[in-house]
């Protein structure tokens, strides 16, 4: 059991450290205070007394485009500048939706209780759990991008010559 905690493979240990840093920093954002509306235009989804998710106003357009990528073919659709991001969002959205299908009833009831009176719930065209899966899909894409950034940074730093690297002085 203790052997699992102390990973001996240095590369695997580094990957686990990067993932732990990314998750820790992202969880800390859930505890950030609300930004006054005069500085930034966004909405908050309150999870509990201390935690909230900040949602930018254009996030709903990304979620809608991930659910129905045909929006990209509408003339002058303002998210046409990021089609690859939306297609990746569609792929991850429907993958998460398929994998979470046994829990859709529970997800629907939980989300329905949270947002029923607070948001434009009546204007939603697709099942609410599909929007949650799109949100989770984009979250996974961003976590992967952060992890790749860490790996690239580590590669650049370890490739530089010098006696200062890797704890040598």
Foldseek 3Di string as FASTA:
>chain_A
DVCVVVDPDPVVVVLVVLLVVLVVVVQVVQQDDDDPCVVADWDWQDPDPRGIDTGHPCNVVLLVCLCPVCCCVDPPPPCVVPSVLSPQLVVQLVVQCVVCVVCLVVVQVVVCVRPVPPDPVVPDDDRPVSSVSSVVSNVVVVSVVSSVVVVVVVVVQVPDDDQPPPPGD
